[in-house]
N, C-alpha and C. Protein backbone atom coordinates (compact mmCIF):
# COMPACT_ATOMS: atom_id res chain seq x y z
N MET A 1 71.08 -126.79 206.04
CA MET A 1 70.88 -128.16 205.62
C MET A 1 72.11 -128.63 204.85
N ALA A 2 72.54 -129.81 205.12
CA ALA A 2 73.72 -130.38 204.47
C ALA A 2 73.39 -130.81 203.05
N SER A 3 74.37 -130.66 202.19
CA SER A 3 74.16 -131.04 200.80
C SER A 3 73.92 -132.53 200.65
N ALA A 4 74.25 -133.30 201.68
CA ALA A 4 74.02 -134.75 201.63
C ALA A 4 72.53 -135.07 201.49
N ASP A 5 71.66 -134.14 201.86
CA ASP A 5 70.23 -134.35 201.71
C ASP A 5 69.75 -134.14 200.27
N PHE A 6 70.55 -133.48 199.46
CA PHE A 6 70.12 -133.16 198.10
C PHE A 6 69.88 -134.38 197.23
N PRO A 7 70.70 -135.43 197.32
CA PRO A 7 70.39 -136.62 196.50
C PRO A 7 69.02 -137.22 196.82
N ALA A 8 68.63 -137.23 198.08
CA ALA A 8 67.30 -137.74 198.44
C ALA A 8 66.21 -136.81 197.92
N THR A 9 66.46 -135.51 197.98
CA THR A 9 65.50 -134.54 197.45
C THR A 9 65.37 -134.72 195.94
N PHE A 10 66.51 -134.88 195.26
CA PHE A 10 66.48 -135.14 193.81
C PHE A 10 65.67 -136.40 193.51
N ALA A 11 65.93 -137.48 194.25
CA ALA A 11 65.24 -138.75 194.00
C ALA A 11 63.72 -138.60 194.16
N ALA A 12 63.30 -137.87 195.19
CA ALA A 12 61.87 -137.69 195.41
C ALA A 12 61.24 -136.85 194.30
N LEU A 13 61.92 -135.78 193.88
CA LEU A 13 61.37 -134.94 192.81
C LEU A 13 61.43 -135.64 191.46
N ARG A 14 62.44 -136.45 191.23
CA ARG A 14 62.53 -137.25 190.00
C ARG A 14 61.34 -138.19 189.93
N ASP A 15 61.08 -138.91 191.03
CA ASP A 15 59.95 -139.84 191.05
C ASP A 15 58.63 -139.10 190.86
N LEU A 16 58.51 -137.92 191.46
CA LEU A 16 57.30 -137.12 191.32
C LEU A 16 57.05 -136.78 189.85
N MET A 17 58.10 -136.30 189.16
CA MET A 17 57.92 -135.92 187.75
C MET A 17 57.59 -137.12 186.88
N LEU A 18 58.29 -138.23 187.08
CA LEU A 18 58.03 -139.42 186.27
C LEU A 18 56.63 -139.97 186.50
N THR A 19 56.15 -139.90 187.72
CA THR A 19 54.82 -140.39 188.05
C THR A 19 53.73 -139.46 187.51
N ALA A 20 53.95 -138.15 187.62
CA ALA A 20 52.94 -137.17 187.21
C ALA A 20 52.91 -136.95 185.70
N ALA A 21 53.97 -137.32 185.01
CA ALA A 21 54.04 -137.11 183.55
C ALA A 21 54.53 -138.39 182.87
N PRO A 22 53.79 -139.49 183.02
CA PRO A 22 54.29 -140.78 182.53
C PRO A 22 54.38 -140.92 181.02
N ASP A 23 53.65 -140.10 180.28
CA ASP A 23 53.65 -140.26 178.82
C ASP A 23 54.69 -139.39 178.11
N GLN A 24 55.51 -138.67 178.86
CA GLN A 24 56.55 -137.85 178.25
C GLN A 24 57.78 -138.71 177.94
N LEU A 25 58.59 -138.24 177.01
CA LEU A 25 59.78 -138.98 176.60
C LEU A 25 60.95 -138.70 177.54
N VAL A 26 61.53 -139.74 178.09
CA VAL A 26 62.70 -139.58 178.96
C VAL A 26 63.93 -139.48 178.06
N VAL A 27 64.56 -138.31 178.08
CA VAL A 27 65.74 -138.07 177.24
C VAL A 27 67.01 -138.35 178.02
N THR A 28 67.03 -137.93 179.29
CA THR A 28 68.17 -138.16 180.17
C THR A 28 67.64 -138.62 181.52
N ASP A 29 68.22 -139.67 182.05
CA ASP A 29 67.87 -140.13 183.39
C ASP A 29 69.12 -140.74 184.00
N GLN A 30 69.86 -139.90 184.68
CA GLN A 30 71.08 -140.34 185.34
C GLN A 30 71.17 -139.64 186.68
N PRO A 31 72.03 -140.08 187.57
CA PRO A 31 72.10 -139.45 188.89
C PRO A 31 72.25 -137.92 188.78
N GLY A 32 71.31 -137.22 189.38
CA GLY A 32 71.36 -135.76 189.40
C GLY A 32 70.80 -135.06 188.18
N ASP A 33 70.29 -135.81 187.21
CA ASP A 33 69.83 -135.17 185.98
C ASP A 33 68.72 -135.99 185.30
N LEU A 34 67.53 -135.42 185.26
CA LEU A 34 66.40 -136.01 184.55
C LEU A 34 65.88 -134.98 183.57
N VAL A 35 65.70 -135.36 182.31
CA VAL A 35 65.16 -134.46 181.30
C VAL A 35 64.06 -135.20 180.54
N LEU A 36 62.90 -134.54 180.42
CA LEU A 36 61.77 -135.09 179.68
C LEU A 36 61.40 -134.15 178.53
N HIS A 37 61.06 -134.73 177.40
CA HIS A 37 60.53 -133.99 176.26
C HIS A 37 59.10 -134.44 176.00
N THR A 38 58.35 -133.59 175.33
CA THR A 38 57.01 -133.99 174.90
C THR A 38 57.14 -134.82 173.62
N ARG A 39 56.05 -135.33 173.16
CA ARG A 39 56.04 -136.07 171.89
C ARG A 39 55.76 -135.14 170.72
N THR A 40 55.60 -133.86 171.01
CA THR A 40 55.34 -132.85 169.99
C THR A 40 56.66 -132.31 169.45
N VAL A 41 56.74 -132.16 168.14
CA VAL A 41 57.93 -131.60 167.50
C VAL A 41 57.68 -130.12 167.22
N ASP A 42 58.62 -129.29 167.61
CA ASP A 42 58.54 -127.86 167.35
C ASP A 42 58.73 -127.64 165.85
N PRO A 43 57.74 -127.02 165.17
CA PRO A 43 57.86 -126.84 163.72
C PRO A 43 59.02 -125.93 163.32
N LYS A 44 59.43 -125.04 164.20
CA LYS A 44 60.54 -124.13 163.88
C LYS A 44 61.90 -124.83 163.93
N THR A 45 62.07 -125.71 164.93
CA THR A 45 63.37 -126.34 165.12
C THR A 45 63.43 -127.77 164.62
N GLY A 46 62.25 -128.41 164.49
CA GLY A 46 62.21 -129.81 164.09
C GLY A 46 62.61 -130.75 165.22
N LYS A 47 62.71 -130.21 166.45
CA LYS A 47 63.11 -131.02 167.60
C LYS A 47 61.95 -131.14 168.58
N PRO A 48 61.96 -132.19 169.40
CA PRO A 48 60.90 -132.34 170.40
C PRO A 48 60.89 -131.15 171.36
N VAL A 49 59.72 -130.82 171.85
CA VAL A 49 59.53 -129.72 172.79
C VAL A 49 59.90 -130.20 174.18
N TRP A 50 60.63 -129.37 174.92
CA TRP A 50 61.00 -129.70 176.30
C TRP A 50 59.76 -129.73 177.17
N PHE A 51 59.67 -130.70 178.08
CA PHE A 51 58.58 -130.75 179.04
C PHE A 51 59.06 -130.37 180.43
N GLY A 52 60.08 -131.05 180.92
CA GLY A 52 60.53 -130.79 182.28
C GLY A 52 61.90 -131.37 182.55
N ALA A 53 62.43 -131.00 183.72
CA ALA A 53 63.73 -131.50 184.14
C ALA A 53 63.83 -131.40 185.65
N VAL A 54 64.62 -132.28 186.21
CA VAL A 54 64.98 -132.20 187.63
C VAL A 54 66.50 -132.30 187.65
N THR A 55 67.15 -131.30 188.25
CA THR A 55 68.61 -131.28 188.26
C THR A 55 69.14 -131.02 189.67
N LEU A 56 70.16 -131.76 190.01
CA LEU A 56 70.83 -131.59 191.29
C LEU A 56 71.90 -130.53 191.13
N ARG A 57 71.77 -129.46 191.89
CA ARG A 57 72.72 -128.35 191.85
C ARG A 57 73.54 -128.35 193.13
N LYS A 58 74.49 -127.46 193.23
CA LYS A 58 75.35 -127.40 194.41
C LYS A 58 74.58 -127.02 195.68
N ALA A 59 73.62 -126.09 195.57
CA ALA A 59 72.93 -125.57 196.75
C ALA A 59 71.44 -125.88 196.80
N TYR A 60 70.92 -126.62 195.80
CA TYR A 60 69.49 -126.93 195.75
C TYR A 60 69.23 -127.95 194.66
N VAL A 61 67.98 -128.40 194.59
CA VAL A 61 67.52 -129.25 193.49
C VAL A 61 66.50 -128.43 192.72
N ALA A 62 66.68 -128.33 191.41
CA ALA A 62 65.79 -127.54 190.56
C ALA A 62 64.78 -128.45 189.87
N TYR A 63 63.52 -128.02 189.89
CA TYR A 63 62.41 -128.74 189.24
C TYR A 63 61.86 -127.80 188.18
N HIS A 64 62.06 -128.14 186.91
CA HIS A 64 61.64 -127.29 185.80
C HIS A 64 60.39 -127.85 185.14
N LEU A 65 59.41 -127.00 184.89
CA LEU A 65 58.24 -127.33 184.07
C LEU A 65 58.21 -126.32 182.93
N PHE A 66 58.76 -126.70 181.79
CA PHE A 66 58.93 -125.77 180.69
C PHE A 66 57.64 -125.20 180.10
N PRO A 67 56.51 -125.92 180.12
CA PRO A 67 55.28 -125.30 179.62
C PRO A 67 54.89 -124.02 180.38
N LEU A 68 55.34 -123.86 181.61
CA LEU A 68 55.07 -122.62 182.35
C LEU A 68 55.78 -121.43 181.72
N TYR A 69 56.87 -121.69 181.04
CA TYR A 69 57.61 -120.62 180.37
C TYR A 69 56.80 -120.05 179.21
N THR A 70 56.17 -120.93 178.46
CA THR A 70 55.41 -120.47 177.29
C THR A 70 54.00 -120.03 177.66
N ASP A 71 53.48 -120.53 178.79
CA ASP A 71 52.13 -120.14 179.22
C ASP A 71 52.10 -120.00 180.75
N PRO A 72 52.58 -118.86 181.27
CA PRO A 72 52.63 -118.65 182.71
C PRO A 72 51.27 -118.73 183.40
N SER A 73 50.18 -118.57 182.66
CA SER A 73 48.86 -118.62 183.27
C SER A 73 48.56 -120.01 183.86
N ILE A 74 49.27 -121.03 183.40
CA ILE A 74 49.08 -122.38 183.93
C ILE A 74 49.35 -122.41 185.43
N GLY A 75 50.30 -121.60 185.86
CA GLY A 75 50.66 -121.57 187.27
C GLY A 75 50.09 -120.38 188.03
N ALA A 76 49.04 -119.80 187.51
CA ALA A 76 48.47 -118.59 188.12
C ALA A 76 47.93 -118.84 189.52
N ASP A 77 47.53 -120.06 189.83
CA ASP A 77 46.92 -120.34 191.13
C ASP A 77 47.87 -121.03 192.11
N LEU A 78 49.17 -120.85 191.93
CA LEU A 78 50.14 -121.45 192.85
C LEU A 78 49.96 -120.90 194.26
N SER A 79 50.19 -121.74 195.25
CA SER A 79 50.17 -121.25 196.63
C SER A 79 51.34 -120.29 196.84
N ALA A 80 51.20 -119.43 197.84
CA ALA A 80 52.26 -118.47 198.14
C ALA A 80 53.56 -119.20 198.49
N GLU A 81 53.43 -120.34 199.16
CA GLU A 81 54.63 -121.08 199.55
C GLU A 81 55.36 -121.68 198.35
N LEU A 82 54.63 -122.23 197.39
CA LEU A 82 55.28 -122.75 196.19
C LEU A 82 55.81 -121.61 195.34
N LYS A 83 55.08 -120.53 195.28
CA LYS A 83 55.51 -119.35 194.51
C LYS A 83 56.87 -118.83 195.03
N ARG A 84 57.08 -118.91 196.35
CA ARG A 84 58.36 -118.45 196.93
C ARG A 84 59.53 -119.29 196.44
N ARG A 85 59.27 -120.52 196.05
CA ARG A 85 60.34 -121.39 195.55
C ARG A 85 60.57 -121.23 194.05
N GLN A 86 59.71 -120.47 193.41
CA GLN A 86 59.80 -120.30 191.95
C GLN A 86 60.91 -119.32 191.60
N GLN A 87 61.74 -119.74 190.67
CA GLN A 87 62.79 -118.90 190.12
C GLN A 87 62.51 -118.73 188.63
N GLY A 88 62.32 -117.52 188.18
CA GLY A 88 61.95 -117.31 186.80
C GLY A 88 60.53 -117.79 186.57
N LYS A 89 60.25 -118.19 185.35
CA LYS A 89 58.88 -118.60 185.01
C LYS A 89 58.61 -120.09 185.21
N SER A 90 59.66 -120.93 185.09
CA SER A 90 59.39 -122.36 185.01
C SER A 90 60.19 -123.23 185.98
N CYS A 91 60.88 -122.65 186.93
CA CYS A 91 61.76 -123.42 187.80
C CYS A 91 61.38 -123.24 189.27
N PHE A 92 61.43 -124.34 190.01
CA PHE A 92 61.17 -124.33 191.45
C PHE A 92 62.39 -124.96 192.14
N ASN A 93 62.92 -124.29 193.14
CA ASN A 93 64.10 -124.78 193.83
C ASN A 93 63.74 -125.36 195.19
N PHE A 94 64.36 -126.50 195.50
CA PHE A 94 64.11 -127.19 196.76
C PHE A 94 65.43 -127.57 197.42
N LYS A 95 65.48 -127.43 198.73
CA LYS A 95 66.61 -127.93 199.52
C LYS A 95 66.20 -129.17 200.29
N ALA A 96 64.91 -129.33 200.49
CA ALA A 96 64.37 -130.49 201.20
C ALA A 96 62.94 -130.72 200.70
N ILE A 97 62.43 -131.88 200.98
CA ILE A 97 61.08 -132.22 200.55
C ILE A 97 60.06 -131.73 201.57
N ASP A 98 59.05 -131.07 201.07
CA ASP A 98 57.88 -130.66 201.86
C ASP A 98 56.70 -131.37 201.19
N GLN A 99 56.05 -132.28 201.90
CA GLN A 99 55.03 -133.12 201.27
C GLN A 99 53.88 -132.30 200.69
N GLY A 100 53.45 -131.26 201.38
CA GLY A 100 52.37 -130.42 200.86
C GLY A 100 52.75 -129.76 199.54
N LEU A 101 53.98 -129.25 199.47
CA LEU A 101 54.44 -128.63 198.22
C LEU A 101 54.63 -129.67 197.13
N CYS A 102 55.06 -130.86 197.51
CA CYS A 102 55.20 -131.94 196.51
C CYS A 102 53.84 -132.32 195.94
N ASP A 103 52.83 -132.38 196.80
CA ASP A 103 51.48 -132.69 196.32
C ASP A 103 51.00 -131.62 195.35
N GLU A 104 51.25 -130.37 195.68
CA GLU A 104 50.84 -129.27 194.79
C GLU A 104 51.63 -129.31 193.48
N LEU A 105 52.92 -129.58 193.57
CA LEU A 105 53.76 -129.66 192.38
C LEU A 105 53.35 -130.85 191.50
N ALA A 106 52.98 -131.96 192.12
CA ALA A 106 52.52 -133.12 191.35
C ALA A 106 51.22 -132.78 190.62
N ALA A 107 50.30 -132.10 191.30
CA ALA A 107 49.04 -131.70 190.66
C ALA A 107 49.31 -130.75 189.50
N LEU A 108 50.23 -129.81 189.68
CA LEU A 108 50.58 -128.87 188.61
C LEU A 108 51.21 -129.62 187.44
N THR A 109 52.09 -130.56 187.73
CA THR A 109 52.74 -131.34 186.66
C THR A 109 51.70 -132.16 185.90
N ARG A 110 50.77 -132.80 186.62
CA ARG A 110 49.71 -133.56 185.94
C ARG A 110 48.85 -132.63 185.07
N ARG A 111 48.54 -131.43 185.57
CA ARG A 111 47.74 -130.47 184.81
C ARG A 111 48.49 -130.05 183.53
N VAL A 112 49.77 -129.75 183.67
CA VAL A 112 50.59 -129.36 182.51
C VAL A 112 50.68 -130.52 181.52
N ASN A 113 50.74 -131.73 182.05
CA ASN A 113 50.82 -132.93 181.23
C ASN A 113 49.48 -133.28 180.58
N GLY A 114 48.41 -132.62 181.03
CA GLY A 114 47.10 -132.87 180.47
C GLY A 114 46.37 -134.02 181.14
N VAL A 115 46.81 -134.42 182.34
CA VAL A 115 46.20 -135.54 183.04
C VAL A 115 45.29 -135.08 184.18
N GLY A 116 45.50 -133.90 184.72
CA GLY A 116 44.72 -133.54 185.89
C GLY A 116 44.22 -132.19 185.94
């Protein structure tokens, strides 16, 4: 797949995160980089807690859901196909959009956000 498809993949995943987590704080929103924080302040650091990010990389688009890092049980019921895209505890890599996986990722994001 040509890297020219990555901007469209980024745009679709960016829209997915913003739609599924509308009450989170948008910290960065520029081409290739979306970062959301929660409205909760970490008592140890005094800074807002990270919620998620979508980043355009050289070979893929990364979709991060940081609450999975602190509580991996949230993603315990991921499909095998989405699990294959998972890197580490909280990141999913995409080279192209798969609507079924996007629907599952949107449901997971809403659940993490406390909406679904």
